[in-house]
């Protein structure tokens, strides 16, 4: 049966565009992606799924952080909620949203400009070079440690031979 005007095909079902729009809006509101009518400011606490979406990690990763205690949470109405202040403490300030950038997505129009990003990039490059130097030094120290342990075992074997009571030549 062909679709009527105003209907859209979603999966195996047909819905009018108005009912599909209501269903999508309902799902988005239920998952906290939009605010209910009349609420201008965002909620102070988020569910684990909403918090994960907010900081850009998976729900399971957020659950693990809450279980470990690295992200503090509260229990409200039987639901585990994460305060926005806790997300800011652990993950830092939220990244700028799309509306914060220039209309055409120009990165130079971000708050603070391009300089903070360049400074962060230089800091990361420097720390990566330090990490590589430390890894190289650690591998050389591990090699020396292995050689020292082998030498200790050799010396202990020689000492055991020298200390062991010798049998007299006629009883050998």
N, C-alpha and C. Protein backbone atom coordinates (compact mmCIF):
# COMPACT_ATOMS: atom_id res chain seq x y z
N UNK A 1 0.85 -1.17 0.00
CA UNK A 1 0.00 0.00 0.00
C UNK A 1 0.90 1.23 0.00
N UNK A 2 0.70 2.17 -0.91
CA UNK A 2 1.55 3.35 -0.97
C UNK A 2 1.29 4.26 0.23
N UNK A 3 2.32 5.06 0.56
CA UNK A 3 2.20 6.00 1.67
C UNK A 3 1.32 7.17 1.27
N UNK A 4 0.49 7.59 2.19
CA UNK A 4 -0.35 8.76 1.94
C UNK A 4 0.47 10.02 2.15
N UNK A 5 -0.03 11.13 1.65
CA UNK A 5 0.67 12.40 1.83
C UNK A 5 0.75 12.70 3.32
N UNK A 6 1.90 13.13 3.79
CA UNK A 6 2.08 13.46 5.20
C UNK A 6 2.55 12.27 6.02
N UNK A 7 2.59 11.06 5.44
CA UNK A 7 3.07 9.89 6.16
C UNK A 7 4.56 9.73 5.90
N UNK A 8 5.25 9.16 6.86
CA UNK A 8 6.67 8.86 6.64
C UNK A 8 6.91 7.43 7.07
N UNK A 9 7.86 6.80 6.43
CA UNK A 9 8.16 5.40 6.68
C UNK A 9 9.27 5.31 7.71
N UNK A 10 8.98 4.69 8.83
CA UNK A 10 10.00 4.50 9.86
C UNK A 10 10.03 3.04 10.22
N UNK A 11 11.02 2.33 9.78
CA UNK A 11 11.10 0.89 10.05
C UNK A 11 10.01 0.17 9.29
N UNK A 12 9.21 -0.66 9.98
CA UNK A 12 8.13 -1.40 9.34
C UNK A 12 6.78 -0.76 9.58
N UNK A 13 6.74 0.43 10.12
CA UNK A 13 5.47 1.05 10.44
C UNK A 13 5.33 2.38 9.73
N UNK A 14 4.09 2.78 9.51
CA UNK A 14 3.81 4.07 8.90
C UNK A 14 3.18 4.96 9.96
N UNK A 15 3.63 6.18 10.03
CA UNK A 15 3.05 7.14 10.95
C UNK A 15 2.84 8.44 10.21
N UNK A 16 1.88 9.18 10.66
CA UNK A 16 1.75 10.52 10.10
C UNK A 16 2.91 11.34 10.65
N UNK A 17 3.28 12.38 9.94
CA UNK A 17 4.43 13.15 10.38
C UNK A 17 4.20 13.77 11.75
N UNK A 18 2.97 14.10 12.09
CA UNK A 18 2.72 14.71 13.39
C UNK A 18 2.90 13.69 14.51
N UNK A 19 2.44 12.46 14.33
CA UNK A 19 2.62 11.46 15.39
C UNK A 19 4.07 11.03 15.49
N UNK A 20 4.77 10.98 14.37
CA UNK A 20 6.19 10.64 14.41
C UNK A 20 6.97 11.73 15.12
N UNK A 21 6.59 12.98 14.88
CA UNK A 21 7.26 14.08 15.55
C UNK A 21 7.00 14.07 17.04
N UNK A 22 5.77 13.76 17.43
CA UNK A 22 5.45 13.68 18.86
C UNK A 22 6.22 12.55 19.52
N UNK A 23 6.32 11.40 18.84
CA UNK A 23 7.04 10.25 19.41
C UNK A 23 8.51 10.59 19.58
N UNK A 24 9.11 11.24 18.58
CA UNK A 24 10.52 11.61 18.67
C UNK A 24 10.73 12.63 19.79
N UNK A 25 9.84 13.63 19.88
CA UNK A 25 9.97 14.64 20.93
C UNK A 25 9.81 13.99 22.30
N UNK A 26 8.91 13.04 22.41
CA UNK A 26 8.70 12.35 23.68
C UNK A 26 9.95 11.57 24.08
N UNK A 27 10.55 10.85 23.11
CA UNK A 27 11.77 10.09 23.39
C UNK A 27 12.90 11.02 23.80
N UNK A 28 13.03 12.13 23.10
CA UNK A 28 14.12 13.07 23.41
C UNK A 28 13.91 13.69 24.78
N UNK A 29 12.65 14.01 25.15
CA UNK A 29 12.39 14.58 26.46
C UNK A 29 12.64 13.55 27.54
N UNK A 30 12.21 12.29 27.31
CA UNK A 30 12.36 11.23 28.30
C UNK A 30 13.84 10.97 28.59
N UNK A 31 14.69 11.08 27.58
CA UNK A 31 16.12 10.82 27.78
C UNK A 31 16.88 12.08 28.17
N UNK A 32 16.15 13.18 28.38
CA UNK A 32 16.78 14.39 28.88
C UNK A 32 17.54 15.18 27.84
N UNK A 33 17.27 14.93 26.56
CA UNK A 33 18.00 15.66 25.53
C UNK A 33 17.40 17.04 25.27
N UNK A 34 16.14 17.24 25.67
CA UNK A 34 15.51 18.55 25.60
C UNK A 34 14.85 18.83 26.93
N UNK A 35 14.62 20.08 27.23
CA UNK A 35 13.99 20.47 28.48
C UNK A 35 12.48 20.53 28.30
N UNK A 36 11.72 20.21 29.34
CA UNK A 36 10.28 20.35 29.26
C UNK A 36 9.90 21.82 29.09
N UNK A 37 8.68 22.05 28.64
CA UNK A 37 8.19 23.41 28.43
C UNK A 37 8.35 24.23 29.71
N UNK A 38 8.82 25.44 29.60
CA UNK A 38 8.91 26.34 30.74
C UNK A 38 10.20 26.21 31.54
N UNK A 39 11.04 25.24 31.26
CA UNK A 39 12.31 25.11 31.98
C UNK A 39 13.42 25.65 31.10
N UNK A 40 13.97 26.79 31.50
CA UNK A 40 15.03 27.39 30.70
C UNK A 40 16.41 26.91 31.12
N UNK A 41 16.61 26.66 32.40
CA UNK A 41 17.93 26.26 32.85
C UNK A 41 18.01 24.73 32.93
N UNK A 42 19.18 24.17 32.68
CA UNK A 42 19.34 22.71 32.70
C UNK A 42 19.21 22.17 34.12
N UNK A 43 18.86 20.90 34.21
CA UNK A 43 18.71 20.24 35.50
C UNK A 43 20.06 20.20 36.21
N UNK A 44 20.01 20.24 37.57
CA UNK A 44 21.25 20.22 38.34
C UNK A 44 21.83 18.82 38.45
N UNK A 45 21.01 17.79 38.29
CA UNK A 45 21.50 16.41 38.33
C UNK A 45 21.06 15.70 37.06
N UNK A 46 21.85 14.73 36.66
CA UNK A 46 21.58 13.96 35.44
C UNK A 46 21.62 12.48 35.77
N UNK A 47 20.90 11.69 34.99
CA UNK A 47 21.02 10.25 35.13
C UNK A 47 22.40 9.85 34.61
N UNK A 48 22.78 8.62 34.86
CA UNK A 48 24.10 8.16 34.41
C UNK A 48 24.20 8.22 32.89
N UNK A 49 23.12 7.84 32.19
CA UNK A 49 23.14 7.89 30.73
C UNK A 49 23.26 9.32 30.23
N UNK A 50 22.52 10.25 30.86
CA UNK A 50 22.60 11.65 30.45
C UNK A 50 23.98 12.23 30.74
N UNK A 51 24.55 11.88 31.89
CA UNK A 51 25.88 12.37 32.25
C UNK A 51 26.92 11.85 31.26
N UNK A 52 26.79 10.59 30.89
CA UNK A 52 27.74 10.02 29.91
C UNK A 52 27.63 10.74 28.58
N UNK A 53 26.39 11.00 28.16
CA UNK A 53 26.18 11.71 26.90
C UNK A 53 26.75 13.12 26.98
N UNK A 54 26.59 13.74 28.12
CA UNK A 54 27.06 15.11 28.32
C UNK A 54 28.59 15.22 28.19
N UNK A 55 29.32 14.24 28.76
CA UNK A 55 30.79 14.34 28.74
C UNK A 55 31.40 13.57 27.57
N UNK A 56 30.60 12.80 26.84
CA UNK A 56 31.10 12.14 25.65
C UNK A 56 31.75 10.79 25.89
N UNK A 57 31.30 10.06 26.91
CA UNK A 57 31.80 8.70 27.13
C UNK A 57 30.60 7.76 27.12
N UNK A 58 30.85 6.46 27.13
CA UNK A 58 29.75 5.51 27.10
C UNK A 58 29.07 5.42 28.46
N UNK A 59 27.84 4.94 28.46
CA UNK A 59 27.08 4.78 29.69
C UNK A 59 27.80 3.82 30.61
N UNK A 60 28.33 2.73 30.07
CA UNK A 60 29.03 1.73 30.87
C UNK A 60 30.27 2.33 31.52
N UNK A 61 31.01 3.16 30.79
CA UNK A 61 32.20 3.80 31.36
C UNK A 61 31.81 4.72 32.51
N UNK A 62 30.69 5.44 32.35
CA UNK A 62 30.23 6.31 33.44
C UNK A 62 29.81 5.47 34.64
N UNK A 63 29.12 4.35 34.39
CA UNK A 63 28.72 3.47 35.50
C UNK A 63 29.94 2.97 36.26
N UNK A 64 30.99 2.60 35.54
CA UNK A 64 32.21 2.11 36.19
C UNK A 64 32.85 3.20 37.03
N UNK A 65 32.87 4.43 36.53
CA UNK A 65 33.44 5.53 37.30
C UNK A 65 32.64 5.80 38.56
N UNK A 66 31.32 5.67 38.46
CA UNK A 66 30.47 5.86 39.65
C UNK A 66 30.72 4.73 40.64
N UNK A 67 30.82 3.48 40.16
CA UNK A 67 31.07 2.34 41.04
C UNK A 67 32.43 2.47 41.74
N UNK A 68 33.45 2.93 41.00
CA UNK A 68 34.79 3.11 41.57
C UNK A 68 34.83 4.25 42.57
N UNK A 69 33.92 5.20 42.39
CA UNK A 69 33.90 6.35 43.28
C UNK A 69 34.65 7.55 42.73
N UNK A 70 35.16 7.46 41.51
CA UNK A 70 35.86 8.62 40.95
C UNK A 70 34.87 9.70 40.53
N UNK A 71 33.61 9.31 40.29
CA UNK A 71 32.53 10.27 40.05
C UNK A 71 31.50 10.03 41.14
N UNK A 72 31.24 11.05 41.93
CA UNK A 72 30.27 10.90 43.03
C UNK A 72 28.86 11.04 42.48
N UNK A 73 27.93 10.29 43.09
CA UNK A 73 26.54 10.34 42.64
C UNK A 73 25.63 10.30 43.86
N UNK A 74 24.36 10.60 43.62
CA UNK A 74 23.36 10.56 44.69
C UNK A 74 22.21 9.69 44.22
N UNK A 75 21.47 9.15 45.19
CA UNK A 75 20.31 8.31 44.88
C UNK A 75 19.06 9.15 45.12
N UNK A 76 18.29 9.38 44.07
CA UNK A 76 17.07 10.17 44.18
C UNK A 76 15.91 9.38 43.59
N UNK A 77 14.94 9.07 44.43
CA UNK A 77 13.77 8.35 43.95
C UNK A 77 14.12 6.99 43.37
N UNK A 78 15.14 6.35 43.91
CA UNK A 78 15.55 5.05 43.41
C UNK A 78 16.40 5.11 42.15
N UNK A 79 16.75 6.30 41.69
CA UNK A 79 17.58 6.45 40.49
C UNK A 79 18.91 7.06 40.88
N UNK A 80 19.97 6.58 40.29
CA UNK A 80 21.30 7.09 40.53
C UNK A 80 21.48 8.34 39.68
N UNK A 81 21.77 9.46 40.32
CA UNK A 81 21.90 10.74 39.63
C UNK A 81 23.30 11.32 39.87
N UNK A 82 23.83 12.00 38.85
CA UNK A 82 25.15 12.61 38.93
C UNK A 82 24.98 14.12 38.86
N UNK A 83 25.44 14.86 39.87
CA UNK A 83 25.33 16.32 39.83
C UNK A 83 26.21 16.92 38.73
N UNK A 84 25.71 17.98 38.11
CA UNK A 84 26.51 18.66 37.07
C UNK A 84 27.81 19.20 37.66
N UNK A 85 27.77 19.63 38.92
CA UNK A 85 28.98 20.16 39.55
C UNK A 85 30.05 19.07 39.64
N UNK A 86 29.63 17.82 39.84
CA UNK A 86 30.58 16.70 39.89
C UNK A 86 31.19 16.45 38.52
N UNK A 87 30.38 16.56 37.47
CA UNK A 87 30.91 16.40 36.11
C UNK A 87 31.93 17.50 35.82
N UNK A 88 31.63 18.72 36.25
CA UNK A 88 32.58 19.82 36.03
C UNK A 88 33.86 19.58 36.82
N UNK A 89 33.75 19.03 38.04
CA UNK A 89 34.93 18.77 38.86
C UNK A 89 35.82 17.71 38.23
N UNK A 90 35.20 16.63 37.75
CA UNK A 90 35.97 15.50 37.24
C UNK A 90 36.45 15.73 35.81
N UNK A 91 35.56 16.22 34.95
CA UNK A 91 35.87 16.32 33.53
C UNK A 91 36.22 17.73 33.08
N UNK A 92 36.18 18.69 33.99
CA UNK A 92 36.46 20.07 33.62
C UNK A 92 35.21 20.73 33.06
N UNK A 93 35.37 21.98 32.66
CA UNK A 93 34.23 22.71 32.12
C UNK A 93 33.75 22.05 30.84
N UNK A 94 32.45 22.14 30.55
CA UNK A 94 31.95 21.52 29.33
C UNK A 94 32.53 22.21 28.11
N UNK A 95 32.72 21.45 27.03
CA UNK A 95 33.24 22.07 25.81
C UNK A 95 32.22 23.05 25.24
N UNK A 96 32.67 24.01 24.44
CA UNK A 96 31.72 24.95 23.86
C UNK A 96 30.75 24.22 22.95
N UNK A 97 29.50 24.66 22.96
CA UNK A 97 28.49 24.02 22.12
C UNK A 97 28.57 24.59 20.72
N UNK A 98 27.79 24.02 19.82
CA UNK A 98 27.82 24.45 18.43
C UNK A 98 27.42 25.92 18.32
N UNK A 99 26.48 26.35 19.16
CA UNK A 99 26.03 27.73 19.12
C UNK A 99 27.10 28.72 19.55
N UNK A 100 28.12 28.27 20.28
CA UNK A 100 29.18 29.15 20.73
C UNK A 100 30.14 29.50 19.61
N UNK A 101 30.21 28.69 18.58
CA UNK A 101 31.15 28.93 17.48
C UNK A 101 30.53 29.92 16.49
N UNK A 102 31.35 30.33 15.55
CA UNK A 102 30.86 31.22 14.50
C UNK A 102 29.82 30.49 13.67
N UNK A 103 28.99 31.23 12.91
CA UNK A 103 27.94 30.58 12.14
C UNK A 103 28.46 29.52 11.18
N UNK A 104 29.64 29.68 10.66
CA UNK A 104 30.18 28.70 9.72
C UNK A 104 31.16 27.74 10.38
N UNK A 105 31.19 27.69 11.72
CA UNK A 105 32.04 26.76 12.43
C UNK A 105 33.51 27.16 12.44
N UNK A 106 33.80 28.43 12.35
CA UNK A 106 35.18 28.91 12.35
C UNK A 106 35.77 28.71 13.74
N UNK A 107 36.84 27.95 13.83
CA UNK A 107 37.43 27.62 15.13
C UNK A 107 38.06 28.84 15.79
N UNK A 108 38.46 29.82 14.99
CA UNK A 108 39.07 31.02 15.56
C UNK A 108 38.06 31.85 16.33
N UNK A 109 36.76 31.61 16.12
CA UNK A 109 35.73 32.38 16.80
C UNK A 109 35.31 31.74 18.13
N UNK A 110 35.96 30.65 18.52
CA UNK A 110 35.64 30.03 19.80
C UNK A 110 36.03 30.98 20.93
N UNK A 111 35.36 30.86 22.08
CA UNK A 111 35.74 31.73 23.20
C UNK A 111 37.22 31.52 23.55
N UNK A 112 37.97 32.59 23.60
CA UNK A 112 39.39 32.50 23.91
C UNK A 112 40.25 32.39 22.66
N UNK A 113 39.66 32.14 21.51
CA UNK A 113 40.40 32.06 20.27
C UNK A 113 41.15 30.74 20.11
N UNK A 114 42.13 30.77 19.25
CA UNK A 114 42.89 29.58 18.90
C UNK A 114 44.08 29.35 19.82
N UNK A 115 44.53 30.37 20.51
CA UNK A 115 45.73 30.27 21.34
C UNK A 115 45.65 29.21 22.44
N UNK A 116 44.53 29.10 23.18
CA UNK A 116 44.48 28.05 24.21
C UNK A 116 44.60 26.65 23.62
N UNK A 117 44.01 26.44 22.44
CA UNK A 117 44.13 25.13 21.80
C UNK A 117 45.56 24.84 21.38
N UNK A 118 46.24 25.84 20.84
CA UNK A 118 47.63 25.66 20.44
C UNK A 118 48.52 25.41 21.65
N UNK A 119 48.25 26.12 22.75
CA UNK A 119 49.03 25.91 23.97
C UNK A 119 48.82 24.48 24.50
N UNK A 120 47.57 24.03 24.48
CA UNK A 120 47.29 22.65 24.91
C UNK A 120 47.98 21.65 24.01
N UNK A 121 47.98 21.89 22.69
CA UNK A 121 48.64 20.99 21.75
C UNK A 121 50.14 20.93 22.01
N UNK A 122 50.76 22.10 22.21
CA UNK A 122 52.20 22.11 22.49
C UNK A 122 52.52 21.37 23.79
N UNK A 123 51.67 21.57 24.82
CA UNK A 123 51.87 20.89 26.09
C UNK A 123 51.76 19.37 25.90
N UNK A 124 50.81 18.92 25.09
CA UNK A 124 50.65 17.48 24.85
C UNK A 124 51.85 16.91 24.08
N UNK A 125 52.35 17.65 23.10
CA UNK A 125 53.51 17.18 22.34
C UNK A 125 54.72 17.07 23.26
N UNK A 126 54.92 18.07 24.13
CA UNK A 126 56.04 18.05 25.07
C UNK A 126 55.92 16.87 26.02
N UNK A 127 54.72 16.65 26.56
CA UNK A 127 54.53 15.53 27.49
C UNK A 127 54.69 14.19 26.80
N UNK A 128 54.31 14.11 25.53
CA UNK A 128 54.51 12.86 24.80
C UNK A 128 55.99 12.59 24.61
N UNK A 129 56.78 13.60 24.32
CA UNK A 129 58.23 13.38 24.17
C UNK A 129 58.84 12.98 25.51
N UNK A 130 58.37 13.60 26.62
CA UNK A 130 58.85 13.19 27.94
C UNK A 130 58.50 11.73 28.22
N UNK A 131 57.28 11.34 27.87
CA UNK A 131 56.84 9.96 28.09
C UNK A 131 57.73 8.98 27.32
N UNK A 132 58.06 9.32 26.09
CA UNK A 132 58.93 8.45 25.29
C UNK A 132 60.32 8.33 25.91
N UNK A 133 60.86 9.44 26.40
CA UNK A 133 62.17 9.40 27.04
C UNK A 133 62.13 8.54 28.30
N UNK A 134 61.09 8.68 29.08
CA UNK A 134 60.96 7.89 30.32
C UNK A 134 60.82 6.41 29.99
N UNK A 135 60.05 6.09 28.95
CA UNK A 135 59.90 4.68 28.55
C UNK A 135 61.25 4.10 28.11
N UNK A 136 62.03 4.87 27.35
CA UNK A 136 63.34 4.39 26.90
C UNK A 136 64.26 4.17 28.10
N UNK A 137 64.25 5.10 29.04
CA UNK A 137 65.08 4.95 30.23
C UNK A 137 64.62 3.75 31.05
N UNK A 138 63.32 3.57 31.19
CA UNK A 138 62.78 2.45 31.97
C UNK A 138 63.19 1.12 31.34
N UNK A 139 63.17 1.03 30.02
CA UNK A 139 63.56 -0.23 29.38
C UNK A 139 65.05 -0.52 29.58
N UNK A 140 65.89 0.53 29.55
CA UNK A 140 67.33 0.30 29.79
C UNK A 140 67.56 -0.11 31.25
N UNK A 141 66.82 0.48 32.19
CA UNK A 141 66.96 0.11 33.60
C UNK A 141 66.48 -1.33 33.81
N UNK A 142 65.39 -1.71 33.15
CA UNK A 142 64.91 -3.09 33.26
C UNK A 142 65.95 -4.08 32.72
N UNK A 143 66.63 -3.74 31.63
CA UNK A 143 67.66 -4.61 31.07
C UNK A 143 68.82 -4.75 32.06
N UNK A 144 69.25 -3.65 32.67
CA UNK A 144 70.32 -3.71 33.67
C UNK A 144 69.89 -4.56 34.86
N UNK A 145 68.65 -4.41 35.29
CA UNK A 145 68.12 -5.19 36.41
C UNK A 145 68.14 -6.68 36.09
N UNK A 146 67.74 -7.03 34.88
CA UNK A 146 67.74 -8.44 34.47
C UNK A 146 69.17 -8.99 34.48
N UNK A 147 70.11 -8.22 33.93
CA UNK A 147 71.50 -8.67 33.91
C UNK A 147 72.05 -8.80 35.33
N UNK A 148 71.70 -7.88 36.22
CA UNK A 148 72.17 -7.94 37.61
C UNK A 148 71.62 -9.16 38.32
N UNK A 149 70.36 -9.48 38.08
CA UNK A 149 69.77 -10.66 38.72
C UNK A 149 70.45 -11.94 38.24
N UNK A 150 70.77 -12.00 36.95
CA UNK A 150 71.47 -13.17 36.42
C UNK A 150 72.85 -13.30 37.06
N UNK A 151 73.55 -12.19 37.23
CA UNK A 151 74.88 -12.22 37.86
C UNK A 151 74.78 -12.65 39.32
N UNK A 152 73.74 -12.19 40.05
CA UNK A 152 73.54 -12.58 41.43
C UNK A 152 73.33 -14.09 41.52
N UNK A 153 72.53 -14.64 40.62
CA UNK A 153 72.31 -16.10 40.63
C UNK A 153 73.61 -16.86 40.39
N UNK A 154 74.44 -16.37 39.46
CA UNK A 154 75.74 -17.01 39.21
C UNK A 154 76.61 -16.98 40.46
N UNK A 155 76.68 -15.82 41.11
CA UNK A 155 77.52 -15.68 42.30
C UNK A 155 77.01 -16.54 43.45
N UNK A 156 75.69 -16.65 43.59
CA UNK A 156 75.14 -17.51 44.64
C UNK A 156 75.49 -18.97 44.39
N UNK A 157 75.49 -19.39 43.13
CA UNK A 157 75.87 -20.77 42.80
C UNK A 157 77.34 -21.02 43.13
N UNK A 158 78.21 -20.07 42.80
CA UNK A 158 79.63 -20.22 43.11
C UNK A 158 79.85 -20.24 44.61
N UNK A 159 79.14 -19.41 45.34
CA UNK A 159 79.27 -19.38 46.79
C UNK A 159 78.83 -20.70 47.40
N UNK A 160 77.77 -21.27 46.89
CA UNK A 160 77.29 -22.55 47.41
C UNK A 160 78.35 -23.63 47.20
N UNK A 161 79.06 -23.60 46.08
CA UNK A 161 80.12 -24.58 45.84
C UNK A 161 81.27 -24.40 46.82
N UNK A 162 81.63 -23.16 47.09
CA UNK A 162 82.75 -22.90 47.98
C UNK A 162 82.43 -23.22 49.45
N UNK A 163 81.23 -23.01 49.86
CA UNK A 163 80.85 -23.19 51.25
C UNK A 163 80.51 -24.65 51.55
N UNK A 164 80.11 -25.38 50.58
CA UNK A 164 79.69 -26.78 50.80
C UNK A 164 80.86 -27.58 51.38
N UNK A 165 80.59 -28.44 52.37
CA UNK A 165 81.69 -29.23 52.96
C UNK A 165 82.27 -30.17 51.90
N UNK A 166 83.59 -30.20 51.86
CA UNK A 166 84.24 -31.06 50.88
C UNK A 166 84.47 -32.42 51.49
N UNK A 167 84.27 -33.43 50.71
CA UNK A 167 84.52 -34.79 51.17
C UNK A 167 86.02 -35.08 51.04
N UNK A 168 86.47 -35.83 51.94
CA UNK A 168 87.89 -36.17 51.90
C UNK A 168 88.17 -36.98 50.64
N UNK A 169 89.42 -36.89 50.16
CA UNK A 169 89.73 -37.50 48.88
C UNK A 169 89.60 -39.00 48.90
N UNK A 170 89.86 -39.63 50.06
CA UNK A 170 89.80 -41.09 50.09
C UNK A 170 88.36 -41.61 50.24
N UNK A 171 87.36 -40.69 50.49
CA UNK A 171 85.98 -41.14 50.62
C UNK A 171 85.11 -40.70 49.41
N UNK A 172 85.71 -40.30 48.44
CA UNK A 172 84.95 -39.83 47.28
C UNK A 172 84.44 -40.92 46.47
